[in-house]
């Protein structure tokens, strides 16, 4: 089985649900700027993996069921794992960019200042 790289949307959903377990799928979708379908899919996957529990709290059969999402112990551990993963990835990206910046700022330029001014006009 091929393991896919973690998705940042998953971490963002877990973080948001930790703060607001009563958030609707539509509210999550809007807040995280992802489609409602993708939000639904990711929530179902998080439930399947045991990272969150979905609980219905609407007792009126004539209305749409309201659901709240509870972060499980496994979900909290996944949040920590994903936070570490993305922190490490961002740190590596920062270090690469810093090296590139140092190379660019410490190397002689290819253009004279008059050529740069001419290109910017």
PDB file of N, CA and C in Angstrom:
ATOM      1  N   UNK A   1       0.824  -1.172   0.000  1.00  0.00           N
ATOM      2  CA  UNK A   1       0.000   0.000   0.000  1.00  0.00           C
ATOM      3  C   UNK A   1       0.883   1.256   0.000  1.00  0.00           C
ATOM      4  N   UNK A   2       0.556   2.199  -0.844  1.00  0.00           N
ATOM      5  CA  UNK A   2       1.323   3.435  -0.935  1.00  0.00           C
ATOM      6  C   UNK A   2       0.744   4.453   0.045  1.00  0.00           C
ATOM      7  N   UNK A   3       1.603   4.962   0.898  1.00  0.00           N
ATOM      8  CA  UNK A   3       1.176   5.968   1.878  1.00  0.00           C
ATOM      9  C   UNK A   3       1.250   7.348   1.233  1.00  0.00           C
ATOM     10  N   UNK A   4       0.143   8.068   1.256  1.00  0.00           N
ATOM     11  CA  UNK A   4       0.126   9.414   0.684  1.00  0.00           C
ATOM     12  C   UNK A   4       0.623  10.417   1.710  1.00  0.00           C
ATOM     13  N   UNK A   5       1.173  11.501   1.196  1.00  0.00           N
ATOM     14  CA  UNK A   5       1.620  12.571   2.084  1.00  0.00           C
ATOM     15  C   UNK A   5       0.398  13.177   2.778  1.00  0.00           C
ATOM     16  N   UNK A   6       0.554  13.565   4.020  1.00  0.00           N
ATOM     17  CA  UNK A   6      -0.571  14.178   4.737  1.00  0.00           C
ATOM     18  C   UNK A   6      -1.047  15.449   4.035  1.00  0.00           C
ATOM     19  N   UNK A   7      -2.322  15.712   4.179  1.00  0.00           N
ATOM     20  CA  UNK A   7      -2.908  16.909   3.577  1.00  0.00           C
ATOM     21  C   UNK A   7      -3.118  17.947   4.652  1.00  0.00           C
ATOM     22  N   UNK A   8      -2.773  19.153   4.307  1.00  0.00           N
ATOM     23  CA  UNK A   8      -2.899  20.239   5.275  1.00  0.00           C
ATOM     24  C   UNK A   8      -4.362  20.496   5.642  1.00  0.00           C
ATOM     25  N   UNK A   9      -5.273  20.183   4.713  1.00  0.00           N
ATOM     26  CA  UNK A   9      -6.703  20.380   5.005  1.00  0.00           C
ATOM     27  C   UNK A   9      -7.145  19.545   6.199  1.00  0.00           C
ATOM     28  N   UNK A  10      -6.576  18.344   6.321  1.00  0.00           N
ATOM     29  CA  UNK A  10      -6.934  17.455   7.430  1.00  0.00           C
ATOM     30  C   UNK A  10      -6.550  18.109   8.755  1.00  0.00           C
ATOM     31  N   UNK A  11      -5.347  18.636   8.817  1.00  0.00           N
ATOM     32  CA  UNK A  11      -4.908  19.308  10.039  1.00  0.00           C
ATOM     33  C   UNK A  11      -5.784  20.525  10.322  1.00  0.00           C
ATOM     34  N   UNK A  12      -6.124  21.278   9.298  1.00  0.00           N
ATOM     35  CA  UNK A  12      -6.955  22.466   9.491  1.00  0.00           C
ATOM     36  C   UNK A  12      -8.346  22.079   9.995  1.00  0.00           C
ATOM     37  N   UNK A  13      -8.920  20.990   9.470  1.00  0.00           N
ATOM     38  CA  UNK A  13     -10.238  20.528   9.934  1.00  0.00           C
ATOM     39  C   UNK A  13     -10.154  20.095  11.399  1.00  0.00           C
ATOM     40  N   UNK A  14      -9.140  19.310  11.729  1.00  0.00           N
ATOM     41  CA  UNK A  14      -8.990  18.837  13.108  1.00  0.00           C
ATOM     42  C   UNK A  14      -8.856  20.020  14.061  1.00  0.00           C
ATOM     43  N   UNK A  15      -8.036  20.994  13.688  1.00  0.00           N
ATOM     44  CA  UNK A  15      -7.859  22.174  14.550  1.00  0.00           C
ATOM     45  C   UNK A  15      -9.179  22.916  14.747  1.00  0.00           C
ATOM     46  N   UNK A  16      -9.904  23.103  13.649  1.00  0.00           N
ATOM     47  CA  UNK A  16     -11.158  23.847  13.742  1.00  0.00           C
ATOM     48  C   UNK A  16     -12.187  23.090  14.589  1.00  0.00           C
ATOM     49  N   UNK A  17     -12.274  21.774  14.393  1.00  0.00           N
ATOM     50  CA  UNK A  17     -13.246  20.993  15.159  1.00  0.00           C
ATOM     51  C   UNK A  17     -12.883  20.948  16.641  1.00  0.00           C
ATOM     52  N   UNK A  18     -11.618  21.018  16.931  1.00  0.00           N
ATOM     53  CA  UNK A  18     -11.196  21.062  18.339  1.00  0.00           C
ATOM     54  C   UNK A  18     -11.715  22.345  18.995  1.00  0.00           C
ATOM     55  N   UNK A  19     -11.692  23.435  18.236  1.00  0.00           N
ATOM     56  CA  UNK A  19     -12.179  24.722  18.756  1.00  0.00           C
ATOM     57  C   UNK A  19     -13.699  24.827  18.730  1.00  0.00           C
ATOM     58  N   UNK A  20     -14.338  24.228  17.698  1.00  0.00           N
ATOM     59  CA  UNK A  20     -15.783  24.374  17.518  1.00  0.00           C
ATOM     60  C   UNK A  20     -16.404  23.058  17.050  1.00  0.00           C
ATOM     61  N   UNK A  21     -16.693  22.137  17.980  1.00  0.00           N
ATOM     62  CA  UNK A  21     -17.247  20.830  17.590  1.00  0.00           C
ATOM     63  C   UNK A  21     -18.652  20.917  16.998  1.00  0.00           C
ATOM     64  N   UNK A  22     -19.320  22.057  17.134  1.00  0.00           N
ATOM     65  CA  UNK A  22     -20.671  22.213  16.593  1.00  0.00           C
ATOM     66  C   UNK A  22     -20.678  22.844  15.202  1.00  0.00           C
ATOM     67  N   UNK A  23     -19.495  23.051  14.627  1.00  0.00           N
ATOM     68  CA  UNK A  23     -19.416  23.651  13.293  1.00  0.00           C
ATOM     69  C   UNK A  23     -20.085  22.738  12.273  1.00  0.00           C
ATOM     70  N   UNK A  24     -20.850  23.339  11.380  1.00  0.00           N
ATOM     71  CA  UNK A  24     -21.486  22.550  10.315  1.00  0.00           C
ATOM     72  C   UNK A  24     -20.471  22.315   9.197  1.00  0.00           C
ATOM     73  N   UNK A  25     -20.804  21.357   8.332  1.00  0.00           N
ATOM     74  CA  UNK A  25     -19.927  21.104   7.199  1.00  0.00           C
ATOM     75  C   UNK A  25     -19.812  22.351   6.321  1.00  0.00           C
ATOM     76  N   UNK A  26     -20.913  23.056   6.146  1.00  0.00           N
ATOM     77  CA  UNK A  26     -20.893  24.269   5.328  1.00  0.00           C
ATOM     78  C   UNK A  26     -19.993  25.341   5.961  1.00  0.00           C
ATOM     79  N   UNK A  27     -20.083  25.497   7.278  1.00  0.00           N
ATOM     80  CA  UNK A  27     -19.246  26.475   7.970  1.00  0.00           C
ATOM     81  C   UNK A  27     -17.765  26.096   7.845  1.00  0.00           C
ATOM     82  N   UNK A  28     -17.470  24.803   8.004  1.00  0.00           N
ATOM     83  CA  UNK A  28     -16.091  24.332   7.827  1.00  0.00           C
ATOM     84  C   UNK A  28     -15.606  24.616   6.409  1.00  0.00           C
ATOM     85  N   UNK A  29     -16.453  24.294   5.446  1.00  0.00           N
ATOM     86  CA  UNK A  29     -16.118  24.500   4.041  1.00  0.00           C
ATOM     87  C   UNK A  29     -15.792  25.967   3.770  1.00  0.00           C
ATOM     88  N   UNK A  30     -16.638  26.851   4.260  1.00  0.00           N
ATOM     89  CA  UNK A  30     -16.421  28.289   4.057  1.00  0.00           C
ATOM     90  C   UNK A  30     -15.179  28.790   4.785  1.00  0.00           C
ATOM     91  N   UNK A  31     -15.040  28.377   6.017  1.00  0.00           N
ATOM     92  CA  UNK A  31     -13.909  28.856   6.833  1.00  0.00           C
ATOM     93  C   UNK A  31     -12.569  28.377   6.288  1.00  0.00           C
ATOM     94  N   UNK A  32     -12.533  27.143   5.782  1.00  0.00           N
ATOM     95  CA  UNK A  32     -11.283  26.563   5.302  1.00  0.00           C
ATOM     96  C   UNK A  32     -11.079  26.780   3.809  1.00  0.00           C
ATOM     97  N   UNK A  33     -12.079  27.368   3.167  1.00  0.00           N
ATOM     98  CA  UNK A  33     -12.017  27.660   1.734  1.00  0.00           C
ATOM     99  C   UNK A  33     -11.793  26.394   0.884  1.00  0.00           C
ATOM    100  N   UNK A  34     -12.558  25.349   1.214  1.00  0.00           N
ATOM    101  CA  UNK A  34     -12.561  24.130   0.408  1.00  0.00           C
ATOM    102  C   UNK A  34     -14.012  23.788   0.084  1.00  0.00           C
ATOM    103  N   UNK A  35     -14.207  22.982  -0.944  1.00  0.00           N
ATOM    104  CA  UNK A  35     -15.576  22.690  -1.371  1.00  0.00           C
ATOM    105  C   UNK A  35     -16.325  21.903  -0.300  1.00  0.00           C
ATOM    106  N   UNK A  36     -17.642  22.001  -0.345  1.00  0.00           N
ATOM    107  CA  UNK A  36     -18.488  21.265   0.589  1.00  0.00           C
ATOM    108  C   UNK A  36     -18.318  19.761   0.392  1.00  0.00           C
ATOM    109  N   UNK A  37     -18.215  19.323  -0.849  1.00  0.00           N
ATOM    110  CA  UNK A  37     -18.003  17.899  -1.137  1.00  0.00           C
ATOM    111  C   UNK A  37     -16.706  17.379  -0.559  1.00  0.00           C
ATOM    112  N   UNK A  38     -15.644  18.167  -0.690  1.00  0.00           N
ATOM    113  CA  UNK A  38     -14.349  17.763  -0.139  1.00  0.00           C
ATOM    114  C   UNK A  38     -14.404  17.741   1.382  1.00  0.00           C
ATOM    115  N   UNK A  39     -15.093  18.709   1.957  1.00  0.00           N
ATOM    116  CA  UNK A  39     -15.253  18.755   3.415  1.00  0.00           C
ATOM    117  C   UNK A  39     -15.968  17.502   3.896  1.00  0.00           C
ATOM    118  N   UNK A  40     -17.059  17.138   3.215  1.00  0.00           N
ATOM    119  CA  UNK A  40     -17.818  15.941   3.558  1.00  0.00           C
ATOM    120  C   UNK A  40     -16.932  14.697   3.467  1.00  0.00           C
ATOM    121  N   UNK A  41     -16.186  14.588   2.378  1.00  0.00           N
ATOM    122  CA  UNK A  41     -15.295  13.433   2.167  1.00  0.00           C
ATOM    123  C   UNK A  41     -14.254  13.349   3.279  1.00  0.00           C
ATOM    124  N   UNK A  42     -13.598  14.464   3.587  1.00  0.00           N
ATOM    125  CA  UNK A  42     -12.548  14.454   4.611  1.00  0.00           C
ATOM    126  C   UNK A  42     -13.107  14.116   5.992  1.00  0.00           C
ATOM    127  N   UNK A  43     -14.285  14.645   6.315  1.00  0.00           N
ATOM    128  CA  UNK A  43     -14.896  14.316   7.604  1.00  0.00           C
ATOM    129  C   UNK A  43     -15.219  12.823   7.695  1.00  0.00           C
ATOM    130  N   UNK A  44     -15.757  12.243   6.614  1.00  0.00           N
ATOM    131  CA  UNK A  44     -16.052  10.809   6.617  1.00  0.00           C
ATOM    132  C   UNK A  44     -14.784   9.991   6.804  1.00  0.00           C
ATOM    133  N   UNK A  45     -13.698  10.415   6.152  1.00  0.00           N
ATOM    134  CA  UNK A  45     -12.425   9.701   6.302  1.00  0.00           C
ATOM    135  C   UNK A  45     -11.883   9.819   7.725  1.00  0.00           C
ATOM    136  N   UNK A  46     -12.038  10.980   8.318  1.00  0.00           N
ATOM    137  CA  UNK A  46     -11.581  11.163   9.703  1.00  0.00           C
ATOM    138  C   UNK A  46     -12.397  10.309  10.670  1.00  0.00           C
ATOM    139  N   UNK A  47     -13.695  10.159  10.390  1.00  0.00           N
ATOM    140  CA  UNK A  47     -14.540   9.287  11.214  1.00  0.00           C
ATOM    141  C   UNK A  47     -14.103   7.835  11.035  1.00  0.00           C
ATOM    142  N   UNK A  48     -13.883   7.410   9.780  1.00  0.00           N
ATOM    143  CA  UNK A  48     -13.452   6.025   9.504  1.00  0.00           C
ATOM    144  C   UNK A  48     -12.154   5.682  10.215  1.00  0.00           C
ATOM    145  N   UNK A  49     -11.235   6.639  10.235  1.00  0.00           N
ATOM    146  CA  UNK A  49      -9.929   6.408  10.857  1.00  0.00           C
ATOM    147  C   UNK A  49      -9.978   6.520  12.380  1.00  0.00           C
ATOM    148  N   UNK A  50     -11.117   6.955  12.897  1.00  0.00           N
ATOM    149  CA  UNK A  50     -11.277   7.060  14.348  1.00  0.00           C
ATOM    150  C   UNK A  50     -10.709   8.326  14.947  1.00  0.00           C
ATOM    151  N   UNK A  51     -10.425   9.329  14.112  1.00  0.00           N
ATOM    152  CA  UNK A  51      -9.862  10.573  14.613  1.00  0.00           C
ATOM    153  C   UNK A  51     -10.933  11.503  15.173  1.00  0.00           C
ATOM    154  N   UNK A  52     -12.154  11.383  14.664  1.00  0.00           N
ATOM    155  CA  UNK A  52     -13.274  12.154  15.193  1.00  0.00           C
ATOM    156  C   UNK A  52     -14.484  11.235  15.307  1.00  0.00           C
ATOM    157  N   UNK A  53     -15.413  11.609  16.172  1.00  0.00           N
ATOM    158  CA  UNK A  53     -16.701  10.927  16.287  1.00  0.00           C
ATOM    159  C   UNK A  53     -17.772  11.922  15.889  1.00  0.00           C
ATOM    160  N   UNK A  54     -18.715  11.449  15.098  1.00  0.00           N
ATOM    161  CA  UNK A  54     -19.833  12.301  14.705  1.00  0.00           C
ATOM    162  C   UNK A  54     -21.026  11.891  15.557  1.00  0.00           C
ATOM    163  N   UNK A  55     -21.616  12.854  16.243  1.00  0.00           N
ATOM    164  CA  UNK A  55     -22.769  12.575  17.095  1.00  0.00           C
ATOM    165  C   UNK A  55     -23.933  13.460  16.680  1.00  0.00           C
ATOM    166  N   UNK A  56     -25.071  12.822  16.497  1.00  0.00           N
ATOM    167  CA  UNK A  56     -26.287  13.557  16.174  1.00  0.00           C
ATOM    168  C   UNK A  56     -26.896  14.059  17.469  1.00  0.00           C
ATOM    169  N   UNK A  57     -27.343  15.319  17.458  1.00  0.00           N
ATOM    170  CA  UNK A  57     -27.976  15.832  18.667  1.00  0.00           C
ATOM    171  C   UNK A  57     -29.333  16.462  18.380  1.00  0.00           C
ATOM    172  N   UNK A  58     -29.864  16.245  17.184  1.00  0.00           N
ATOM    173  CA  UNK A  58     -31.188  16.758  16.857  1.00  0.00           C
ATOM    174  C   UNK A  58     -32.201  15.654  17.115  1.00  0.00           C
ATOM    175  N   UNK A  59     -33.198  15.947  17.904  1.00  0.00           N
ATOM    176  CA  UNK A  59     -34.206  14.943  18.244  1.00  0.00           C
ATOM    177  C   UNK A  59     -35.500  15.133  17.474  1.00  0.00           C
ATOM    178  N   UNK A  60     -35.560  16.158  16.676  1.00  0.00           N
ATOM    179  CA  UNK A  60     -36.751  16.437  15.891  1.00  0.00           C
ATOM    180  C   UNK A  60     -36.628  15.725  14.540  1.00  0.00           C
ATOM    181  N   UNK A  61     -37.479  14.734  14.305  1.00  0.00           N
ATOM    182  CA  UNK A  61     -37.368  13.936  13.079  1.00  0.00           C
ATOM    183  C   UNK A  61     -37.748  14.720  11.832  1.00  0.00           C
ATOM    184  N   UNK A  62     -38.446  15.833  11.977  1.00  0.00           N
ATOM    185  CA  UNK A  62     -38.862  16.623  10.832  1.00  0.00           C
ATOM    186  C   UNK A  62     -37.784  17.565  10.319  1.00  0.00           C
ATOM    187  N   UNK A  63     -36.699  17.703  11.048  1.00  0.00           N
ATOM    188  CA  UNK A  63     -35.626  18.613  10.658  1.00  0.00           C
ATOM    189  C   UNK A  63     -34.391  17.828  10.258  1.00  0.00           C
ATOM    190  N   UNK A  64     -33.507  18.520   9.581  1.00  0.00           N
ATOM    191  CA  UNK A  64     -32.219  17.906   9.270  1.00  0.00           C
ATOM    192  C   UNK A  64     -31.500  17.584  10.567  1.00  0.00           C
ATOM    193  N   UNK A  65     -30.799  16.466  10.554  1.00  0.00           N
ATOM    194  CA  UNK A  65     -30.070  16.105  11.763  1.00  0.00           C
ATOM    195  C   UNK A  65     -28.869  17.023  11.945  1.00  0.00           C
ATOM    196  N   UNK A  66     -28.697  17.503  13.156  1.00  0.00           N
ATOM    197  CA  UNK A  66     -27.539  18.314  13.483  1.00  0.00           C
ATOM    198  C   UNK A  66     -26.477  17.377  14.044  1.00  0.00           C
ATOM    199  N   UNK A  67     -25.246  17.646  13.654  1.00  0.00           N
ATOM    200  CA  UNK A  67     -24.145  16.769  14.042  1.00  0.00           C
ATOM    201  C   UNK A  67     -23.057  17.609  14.691  1.00  0.00           C
ATOM    202  N   UNK A  68     -22.495  17.069  15.752  1.00  0.00           N
ATOM    203  CA  UNK A  68     -21.277  17.678  16.262  1.00  0.00           C
ATOM    204  C   UNK A  68     -20.160  16.654  16.144  1.00  0.00           C
ATOM    205  N   UNK A  69     -18.966  17.156  16.022  1.00  0.00           N
ATOM    206  CA  UNK A  69     -17.796  16.309  15.783  1.00  0.00           C
ATOM    207  C   UNK A  69     -16.865  16.419  16.978  1.00  0.00           C
ATOM    208  N   UNK A  70     -16.578  15.280  17.568  1.00  0.00           N
ATOM    209  CA  UNK A  70     -15.715  15.243  18.745  1.00  0.00           C
ATOM    210  C   UNK A  70     -14.362  14.653  18.379  1.00  0.00           C
ATOM    211  N   UNK A  71     -13.317  15.343  18.770  1.00  0.00           N
ATOM    212  CA  UNK A  71     -11.969  14.866  18.537  1.00  0.00           C
ATOM    213  C   UNK A  71     -11.676  13.726  19.518  1.00  0.00           C
ATOM    214  N   UNK A  72     -11.218  12.597  18.998  1.00  0.00           N
ATOM    215  CA  UNK A  72     -10.885  11.452  19.849  1.00  0.00           C
ATOM    216  C   UNK A  72      -9.426  11.553  20.304  1.00  0.00           C
ATOM    217  N   UNK A  73      -9.038  10.644  21.172  1.00  0.00           N
ATOM    218  CA  UNK A  73      -7.639  10.585  21.614  1.00  0.00           C
ATOM    219  C   UNK A  73      -6.740  10.369  20.402  1.00  0.00           C
ATOM    220  N   UNK A  74      -7.163   9.488  19.507  1.00  0.00           N
ATOM    221  CA  UNK A  74      -6.397   9.218  18.289  1.00  0.00           C
ATOM    222  C   UNK A  74      -6.323  10.464  17.409  1.00  0.00           C
ATOM    223  N   UNK A  75      -7.419  11.228  17.380  1.00  0.00           N
ATOM    224  CA  UNK A  75      -7.447  12.468  16.616  1.00  0.00           C
ATOM    225  C   UNK A  75      -6.486  13.499  17.176  1.00  0.00           C
ATOM    226  N   UNK A  76      -6.423  13.575  18.489  1.00  0.00           N
ATOM    227  CA  UNK A  76      -5.481  14.504  19.118  1.00  0.00           C
ATOM    228  C   UNK A  76      -4.044  14.096  18.798  1.00  0.00           C
ATOM    229  N   UNK A  77      -3.762  12.797  18.851  1.00  0.00           N
ATOM    230  CA  UNK A  77      -2.424  12.302  18.519  1.00  0.00           C
ATOM    231  C   UNK A  77      -2.094  12.576  17.051  1.00  0.00           C
ATOM    232  N   UNK A  78      -3.091  12.432  16.179  1.00  0.00           N
ATOM    233  CA  UNK A  78      -2.891  12.722  14.759  1.00  0.00           C
ATOM    234  C   UNK A  78      -2.621  14.213  14.557  1.00  0.00           C
ATOM    235  N   UNK A  79      -3.310  15.045  15.309  1.00  0.00           N
ATOM    236  CA  UNK A  79      -3.071  16.488  15.233  1.00  0.00           C
ATOM    237  C   UNK A  79      -1.623  16.797  15.597  1.00  0.00           C
ATOM    238  N   UNK A  80      -1.121  16.186  16.653  1.00  0.00           N
ATOM    239  CA  UNK A  80       0.276  16.392  17.044  1.00  0.00           C
ATOM    240  C   UNK A  80       1.229  15.903  15.961  1.00  0.00           C
ATOM    241  N   UNK A  81       0.946  14.725  15.398  1.00  0.00           N
ATOM    242  CA  UNK A  81       1.804  14.162  14.348  1.00  0.00           C
ATOM    243  C   UNK A  81       1.821  15.061  13.117  1.00  0.00           C
ATOM    244  N   UNK A  82       0.631  15.501  12.687  1.00  0.00           N
ATOM    245  CA  UNK A  82       0.546  16.363  11.505  1.00  0.00           C
ATOM    246  C   UNK A  82       1.203  17.720  11.751  1.00  0.00           C
ATOM    247  N   UNK A  83       1.030  18.266  12.946  1.00  0.00           N
ATOM    248  CA  UNK A  83       1.664  19.542  13.274  1.00  0.00           C
ATOM    249  C   UNK A  83       3.181  19.405  13.160  1.00  0.00           C
ATOM    250  N   UNK A  84       3.739  18.334  13.703  1.00  0.00           N
ATOM    251  CA  UNK A  84       5.183  18.085  13.609  1.00  0.00           C
ATOM    252  C   UNK A  84       5.628  17.903  12.169  1.00  0.00           C
ATOM    253  N   UNK A  85       4.836  17.162  11.395  1.00  0.00           N
ATOM    254  CA  UNK A  85       5.165  16.910   9.985  1.00  0.00           C
ATOM    255  C   UNK A  85       5.223  18.220   9.203  1.00  0.00           C
ATOM    256  N   UNK A  86       4.195  19.051   9.333  1.00  0.00           N
ATOM    257  CA  UNK A  86       4.148  20.292   8.569  1.00  0.00           C
ATOM    258  C   UNK A  86       5.154  21.319   9.084  1.00  0.00           C
ATOM    259  N   UNK A  87       5.421  21.311  10.385  1.00  0.00           N
ATOM    260  CA  UNK A  87       6.432  22.205  10.934  1.00  0.00           C
ATOM    261  C   UNK A  87       7.802  21.861  10.358  1.00  0.00           C
ATOM    262  N   UNK A  88       8.110  20.580  10.290  1.00  0.00           N
ATOM    263  CA  UNK A  88       9.389  20.139   9.720  1.00  0.00           C
ATOM    264  C   UNK A  88       9.468  20.502   8.232  1.00  0.00           C
ATOM    265  N   UNK A  89       8.384  20.301   7.502  1.00  0.00           N
ATOM    266  CA  UNK A  89       8.361  20.625   6.075  1.00  0.00           C
ATOM    267  C   UNK A  89       8.565  22.125   5.862  1.00  0.00           C
ATOM    268  N   UNK A  90       7.902  22.955   6.671  1.00  0.00           N
ATOM    269  CA  UNK A  90       8.050  24.411   6.544  1.00  0.00           C
ATOM    270  C   UNK A  90       9.470  24.845   6.905  1.00  0.00           C
ATOM    271  N   UNK A  91      10.061  24.203   7.904  1.00  0.00           N
ATOM    272  CA  UNK A  91      11.427  24.533   8.295  1.00  0.00           C
ATOM    273  C   UNK A  91      12.406  24.186   7.176  1.00  0.00           C
ATOM    274  N   UNK A  92      12.212  23.025   6.537  1.00  0.00           N
ATOM    275  CA  UNK A  92      13.065  22.631   5.418  1.00  0.00           C
ATOM    276  C   UNK A  92      12.912  23.604   4.247  1.00  0.00           C
ATOM    277  N   UNK A  93      11.679  24.022   3.980  1.00  0.00           N
ATOM    278  CA  UNK A  93      11.434  24.989   2.912  1.00  0.00           C
ATOM    279  C   UNK A  93      12.118  26.323   3.238  1.00  0.00           C
ATOM    280  N   UNK A  94      12.005  26.758   4.467  1.00  0.00           N
ATOM    281  CA  UNK A  94      12.655  27.995   4.902  1.00  0.00           C
ATOM    282  C   UNK A  94      14.158  27.911   4.694  1.00  0.00           C
ATOM    283  N   UNK A  95      14.771  26.801   5.108  1.00  0.00           N
ATOM    284  CA  UNK A  95      16.220  26.641   4.973  1.00  0.00           C
ATOM    285  C   UNK A  95      16.655  26.647   3.509  1.00  0.00           C
ATOM    286  N   UNK A  96      15.856  25.993   2.632  1.00  0.00           N
ATOM    287  CA  UNK A  96      16.179  26.003   1.196  1.00  0.00           C
ATOM    288  C   UNK A  96      16.105  27.427   0.641  1.00  0.00           C
ATOM    289  N   UNK A  97      15.064  28.143   1.010  1.00  0.00           N
ATOM    290  CA  UNK A  97      14.893  29.504   0.517  1.00  0.00           C
ATOM    291  C   UNK A  97      15.983  30.439   1.064  1.00  0.00           C
ATOM    292  N   UNK A  98      16.371  30.230   2.310  1.00  0.00           N
ATOM    293  CA  UNK A  98      17.421  31.044   2.906  1.00  0.00           C
ATOM    294  C   UNK A  98      18.733  30.837   2.161  1.00  0.00           C
ATOM    295  N   UNK A  99      19.071  29.576   1.840  1.00  0.00           N
ATOM    296  CA  UNK A  99      20.292  29.283   1.085  1.00  0.00           C
ATOM    297  C   UNK A  99      20.232  29.922  -0.298  1.00  0.00           C
ATOM    298  N   UNK A 100      19.067  29.814  -0.937  1.00  0.00           N
ATOM    299  CA  UNK A 100      18.898  30.411  -2.258  1.00  0.00           C
ATOM    300  C   UNK A 100      19.064  31.929  -2.178  1.00  0.00           C
ATOM    301  N   UNK A 101      18.477  32.544  -1.160  1.00  0.00           N
ATOM    302  CA  UNK A 101      18.598  33.985  -0.973  1.00  0.00           C
ATOM    303  C   UNK A 101      20.060  34.384  -0.781  1.00  0.00           C
ATOM    304  N   UNK A 102      20.763  33.617   0.046  1.00  0.00           N
ATOM    305  CA  UNK A 102      22.179  33.911   0.288  1.00  0.00           C
ATOM    306  C   UNK A 102      22.986  33.787  -0.991  1.00  0.00           C
ATOM    307  N   UNK A 103      22.707  32.769  -1.795  1.00  0.00           N
ATOM    308  CA  UNK A 103      23.406  32.621  -3.074  1.00  0.00           C
ATOM    309  C   UNK A 103      23.119  33.793  -3.996  1.00  0.00           C
ATOM    310  N   UNK A 104      21.864  34.203  -4.055  1.00  0.00           N
ATOM    311  CA  UNK A 104      21.478  35.305  -4.940  1.00  0.00           C
ATOM    312  C   UNK A 104      22.051  36.647  -4.489  1.00  0.00           C
ATOM    313  N   UNK A 105      22.069  36.879  -3.193  1.00  0.00           N
ATOM    314  CA  UNK A 105      22.544  38.178  -2.699  1.00  0.00           C
ATOM    315  C   UNK A 105      24.056  38.253  -2.598  1.00  0.00           C
ATOM    316  N   UNK A 106      24.743  37.126  -2.544  1.00  0.00           N
ATOM    317  CA  UNK A 106      26.196  37.127  -2.421  1.00  0.00           C
ATOM    318  C   UNK A 106      26.914  36.892  -3.739  1.00  0.00           C
ATOM    319  N   UNK A 107      26.182  36.590  -4.799  1.00  0.00           N
ATOM    320  CA  UNK A 107      26.843  36.344  -6.083  1.00  0.00           C
ATOM    321  C   UNK A 107      26.813  37.611  -6.923  1.00  0.00           C
ATOM    322  N   UNK A 108      27.814  37.760  -7.814  1.00  0.00           N
ATOM    323  CA  UNK A 108      27.788  38.942  -8.689  1.00  0.00           C
ATOM    324  C   UNK A 108      26.558  38.897  -9.589  1.00  0.00           C
ATOM    325  N   UNK A 109      25.976  40.049  -9.820  1.00  0.00           N
ATOM    326  CA  UNK A 109      24.773  40.100 -10.639  1.00  0.00           C
ATOM    327  C   UNK A 109      25.125  39.933 -12.113  1.00  0.00           C
ATOM    328  N   UNK A 110      24.180  39.434 -12.870  1.00  0.00           N
ATOM    329  CA  UNK A 110      24.382  39.225 -14.296  1.00  0.00           C
ATOM    330  C   UNK A 110      24.218  40.515 -15.074  1.00  0.00           C
ATOM    331  N   UNK A 111      23.500  41.467 -14.528  1.00  0.00           N
ATOM    332  CA  UNK A 111      23.188  42.704 -15.228  1.00  0.00           C
ATOM    333  C   UNK A 111      23.811  43.887 -14.506  1.00  0.00           C
ATOM    334  N   UNK A 112      24.164  44.871 -15.253  1.00  0.00           N
ATOM    335  CA  UNK A 112      24.598  46.110 -14.628  1.00  0.00           C
ATOM    336  C   UNK A 112      23.364  46.849 -14.136  1.00  0.00           C
ATOM    337  N   UNK A 113      23.543  47.821 -13.274  1.00  0.00           N
ATOM    338  CA  UNK A 113      22.384  48.546 -12.738  1.00  0.00           C
ATOM    339  C   UNK A 113      21.621  49.273 -13.828  1.00  0.00           C
ATOM    340  N   UNK A 114      22.282  49.735 -14.879  1.00  0.00           N
ATOM    341  CA  UNK A 114      21.567  50.411 -15.966  1.00  0.00           C
ATOM    342  C   UNK A 114      20.694  49.436 -16.735  1.00  0.00           C
ATOM    343  N   UNK A 115      21.130  48.169 -16.864  1.00  0.00           N
ATOM    344  CA  UNK A 115      20.311  47.166 -17.558  1.00  0.00           C
ATOM    345  C   UNK A 115      19.090  46.807 -16.733  1.00  0.00           C
ATOM    346  N   UNK A 116      19.220  46.767 -15.433  1.00  0.00           N
ATOM    347  CA  UNK A 116      18.102  46.466 -14.560  1.00  0.00           C
ATOM    348  C   UNK A 116      17.076  47.586 -14.644  1.00  0.00           C
ATOM    349  N   UNK A 117      17.539  48.853 -14.614  1.00  0.00           N
ATOM    350  CA  UNK A 117      16.631  49.984 -14.725  1.00  0.00           C
ATOM    351  C   UNK A 117      15.906  49.976 -16.061  1.00  0.00           C
ATOM    352  N   UNK A 118      16.640  49.622 -17.139  1.00  0.00           N
ATOM    353  CA  UNK A 118      16.047  49.580 -18.469  1.00  0.00           C
ATOM    354  C   UNK A 118      14.966  48.494 -18.531  1.00  0.00           C
ATOM    355  N   UNK A 119      15.189  47.334 -17.907  1.00  0.00           N
ATOM    356  CA  UNK A 119      14.222  46.235 -17.902  1.00  0.00           C
ATOM    357  C   UNK A 119      13.000  46.550 -17.064  1.00  0.00           C
ATOM    358  N   UNK A 120      13.156  47.374 -16.032  1.00  0.00           N
ATOM    359  CA  UNK A 120      12.035  47.724 -15.161  1.00  0.00           C
ATOM    360  C   UNK A 120      11.150  48.817 -15.751  1.00  0.00           C
ATOM    361  N   UNK A 121      11.634  49.524 -16.767  1.00  0.00           N
ATOM    362  CA  UNK A 121      10.844  50.620 -17.371  1.00  0.00           C
ATOM    363  C   UNK A 121       9.761  50.105 -18.269  1.00  0.00           C
TER     364      UNK A 121
END
